[in-house]
């Protein structure tokens, strides 16, 4: 696991805070950990989608 040594502050609506708290509790993890997981998943999913599109484009070009 990466060393956590930077602080970041965000503002959430009351609804977002409730959703975050409930989901973190349901998973048995901290709210901070849930935010870190969500951030990683968002970045990884978009990166993977871009890679797949690039491979598809290359395949079409080379066919």
N, C-alpha and C. Protein backbone atom coordinates (compact mmCIF):
# COMPACT_ATOMS: atom_id res chain seq x y z
N UNK A 1 0.84 -1.18 0.00
CA UNK A 1 0.00 0.00 0.00
C UNK A 1 0.88 1.24 0.00
N UNK A 2 0.47 2.23 -0.77
CA UNK A 2 1.24 3.46 -0.88
C UNK A 2 1.22 4.24 0.44
N UNK A 3 2.30 4.96 0.68
CA UNK A 3 2.38 5.80 1.87
C UNK A 3 1.42 6.98 1.70
N UNK A 4 0.62 7.20 2.71
CA UNK A 4 -0.34 8.30 2.68
C UNK A 4 0.27 9.45 3.48
N UNK A 5 0.65 10.52 2.76
CA UNK A 5 1.32 11.62 3.45
C UNK A 5 0.88 13.00 2.96
N UNK A 6 -0.15 13.07 2.16
CA UNK A 6 -0.65 14.35 1.67
C UNK A 6 -2.11 14.52 2.10
N UNK A 7 -2.44 15.72 2.50
CA UNK A 7 -3.80 16.04 2.91
C UNK A 7 -4.50 16.78 1.79
N UNK A 8 -5.78 16.46 1.59
CA UNK A 8 -6.58 17.10 0.56
C UNK A 8 -7.95 17.38 1.14
N UNK A 9 -8.46 18.56 0.95
CA UNK A 9 -9.74 18.93 1.53
C UNK A 9 -10.76 19.15 0.41
N UNK A 10 -11.96 18.58 0.58
CA UNK A 10 -13.05 18.78 -0.37
C UNK A 10 -14.31 19.14 0.40
N UNK A 11 -15.22 19.78 -0.30
CA UNK A 11 -16.51 20.10 0.28
C UNK A 11 -17.55 19.17 -0.31
N UNK A 12 -18.39 18.60 0.55
CA UNK A 12 -19.45 17.69 0.11
C UNK A 12 -20.79 18.24 0.56
N UNK A 13 -21.81 17.93 -0.23
CA UNK A 13 -23.16 18.27 0.20
C UNK A 13 -23.55 17.34 1.35
N UNK A 14 -24.60 17.67 2.04
CA UNK A 14 -25.06 16.83 3.14
C UNK A 14 -25.42 15.44 2.63
N UNK A 15 -26.06 15.39 1.45
CA UNK A 15 -26.43 14.11 0.86
C UNK A 15 -25.20 13.27 0.54
N UNK A 16 -24.16 13.90 -0.02
CA UNK A 16 -22.93 13.19 -0.33
C UNK A 16 -22.25 12.68 0.94
N UNK A 17 -22.28 13.47 1.98
CA UNK A 17 -21.69 13.05 3.26
C UNK A 17 -22.40 11.83 3.82
N UNK A 18 -23.72 11.84 3.75
CA UNK A 18 -24.50 10.71 4.25
C UNK A 18 -24.21 9.46 3.43
N UNK A 19 -24.21 9.61 2.10
CA UNK A 19 -23.91 8.46 1.23
C UNK A 19 -22.52 7.90 1.51
N UNK A 20 -21.55 8.78 1.66
CA UNK A 20 -20.17 8.37 1.94
C UNK A 20 -20.08 7.63 3.26
N UNK A 21 -20.67 8.19 4.28
CA UNK A 21 -20.64 7.57 5.61
C UNK A 21 -21.30 6.20 5.60
N UNK A 22 -22.49 6.13 4.99
CA UNK A 22 -23.22 4.86 4.96
C UNK A 22 -22.46 3.78 4.18
N UNK A 23 -21.90 4.15 3.04
CA UNK A 23 -21.18 3.16 2.23
C UNK A 23 -19.90 2.72 2.92
N UNK A 24 -19.19 3.65 3.53
CA UNK A 24 -17.96 3.30 4.25
C UNK A 24 -18.29 2.36 5.41
N UNK A 25 -19.34 2.65 6.12
CA UNK A 25 -19.77 1.80 7.23
C UNK A 25 -20.15 0.41 6.73
N UNK A 26 -20.89 0.37 5.63
CA UNK A 26 -21.32 -0.90 5.05
C UNK A 26 -20.12 -1.76 4.67
N UNK A 27 -19.06 -1.12 4.15
CA UNK A 27 -17.87 -1.85 3.72
C UNK A 27 -16.89 -2.09 4.86
N UNK A 28 -17.08 -1.41 5.98
CA UNK A 28 -16.18 -1.58 7.10
C UNK A 28 -14.84 -0.89 6.90
N UNK A 29 -14.84 0.22 6.16
CA UNK A 29 -13.62 0.98 5.91
C UNK A 29 -13.88 2.45 6.25
N UNK A 30 -12.80 3.21 6.33
CA UNK A 30 -12.95 4.63 6.64
C UNK A 30 -13.49 5.37 5.42
N UNK A 31 -14.03 6.55 5.67
CA UNK A 31 -14.52 7.38 4.58
C UNK A 31 -13.37 7.80 3.66
N UNK A 32 -12.23 8.09 4.25
CA UNK A 32 -11.05 8.45 3.45
C UNK A 32 -10.62 7.32 2.53
N UNK A 33 -10.64 6.09 3.06
CA UNK A 33 -10.26 4.93 2.23
C UNK A 33 -11.26 4.74 1.10
N UNK A 34 -12.53 4.95 1.36
CA UNK A 34 -13.54 4.82 0.31
C UNK A 34 -13.32 5.86 -0.78
N UNK A 35 -12.99 7.07 -0.40
CA UNK A 35 -12.71 8.12 -1.40
C UNK A 35 -11.48 7.75 -2.21
N UNK A 36 -10.42 7.24 -1.56
CA UNK A 36 -9.22 6.83 -2.28
C UNK A 36 -9.54 5.70 -3.26
N UNK A 37 -10.33 4.72 -2.83
CA UNK A 37 -10.72 3.62 -3.72
C UNK A 37 -11.52 4.13 -4.91
N UNK A 38 -12.46 5.02 -4.65
CA UNK A 38 -13.29 5.57 -5.73
C UNK A 38 -12.44 6.34 -6.74
N UNK A 39 -11.48 7.10 -6.25
CA UNK A 39 -10.59 7.85 -7.12
C UNK A 39 -9.76 6.90 -7.99
N UNK A 40 -9.18 5.89 -7.37
CA UNK A 40 -8.38 4.92 -8.12
C UNK A 40 -9.23 4.21 -9.16
N UNK A 41 -10.43 3.78 -8.78
CA UNK A 41 -11.30 3.07 -9.71
C UNK A 41 -11.70 3.95 -10.88
N UNK A 42 -11.98 5.21 -10.63
CA UNK A 42 -12.36 6.13 -11.70
C UNK A 42 -11.21 6.31 -12.69
N UNK A 43 -10.03 6.51 -12.18
CA UNK A 43 -8.86 6.72 -13.04
C UNK A 43 -8.51 5.44 -13.80
N UNK A 44 -8.51 4.32 -13.12
CA UNK A 44 -8.16 3.05 -13.76
C UNK A 44 -9.18 2.70 -14.84
N UNK A 45 -10.46 2.86 -14.56
CA UNK A 45 -11.49 2.53 -15.55
C UNK A 45 -11.35 3.39 -16.79
N UNK A 46 -11.14 4.68 -16.62
CA UNK A 46 -11.01 5.57 -17.79
C UNK A 46 -9.74 5.25 -18.56
N UNK A 47 -8.65 4.97 -17.85
CA UNK A 47 -7.40 4.63 -18.52
C UNK A 47 -7.56 3.33 -19.31
N UNK A 48 -8.23 2.36 -18.72
CA UNK A 48 -8.45 1.07 -19.40
C UNK A 48 -9.32 1.27 -20.63
N UNK A 49 -10.34 2.08 -20.54
CA UNK A 49 -11.22 2.35 -21.68
C UNK A 49 -10.42 3.01 -22.81
N UNK A 50 -9.58 3.98 -22.47
CA UNK A 50 -8.75 4.64 -23.49
C UNK A 50 -7.80 3.65 -24.14
N UNK A 51 -7.22 2.75 -23.35
CA UNK A 51 -6.32 1.72 -23.91
C UNK A 51 -7.06 0.81 -24.88
N UNK A 52 -8.25 0.38 -24.48
CA UNK A 52 -9.04 -0.51 -25.35
C UNK A 52 -9.40 0.19 -26.66
N UNK A 53 -9.79 1.45 -26.59
CA UNK A 53 -10.12 2.19 -27.80
C UNK A 53 -8.90 2.34 -28.69
N UNK A 54 -7.74 2.61 -28.11
CA UNK A 54 -6.51 2.75 -28.89
C UNK A 54 -6.17 1.45 -29.59
N UNK A 55 -6.29 0.33 -28.87
CA UNK A 55 -6.00 -0.99 -29.46
C UNK A 55 -6.99 -1.28 -30.59
N UNK A 56 -8.25 -0.96 -30.37
CA UNK A 56 -9.26 -1.18 -31.40
C UNK A 56 -8.95 -0.35 -32.65
N UNK A 57 -8.57 0.91 -32.45
CA UNK A 57 -8.22 1.77 -33.56
C UNK A 57 -7.01 1.24 -34.32
N UNK A 58 -6.00 0.80 -33.60
CA UNK A 58 -4.80 0.24 -34.24
C UNK A 58 -5.15 -1.03 -35.03
N UNK A 59 -5.99 -1.86 -34.43
CA UNK A 59 -6.40 -3.09 -35.10
C UNK A 59 -7.12 -2.77 -36.40
N UNK A 60 -7.99 -1.77 -36.37
CA UNK A 60 -8.72 -1.39 -37.57
C UNK A 60 -7.78 -0.82 -38.64
N UNK A 61 -6.80 -0.03 -38.20
CA UNK A 61 -5.84 0.57 -39.13
C UNK A 61 -4.99 -0.52 -39.79
N UNK A 62 -4.55 -1.50 -38.98
CA UNK A 62 -3.66 -2.55 -39.48
C UNK A 62 -4.38 -3.65 -40.24
N UNK A 63 -5.69 -3.68 -40.19
CA UNK A 63 -6.45 -4.73 -40.88
C UNK A 63 -6.62 -4.44 -42.36
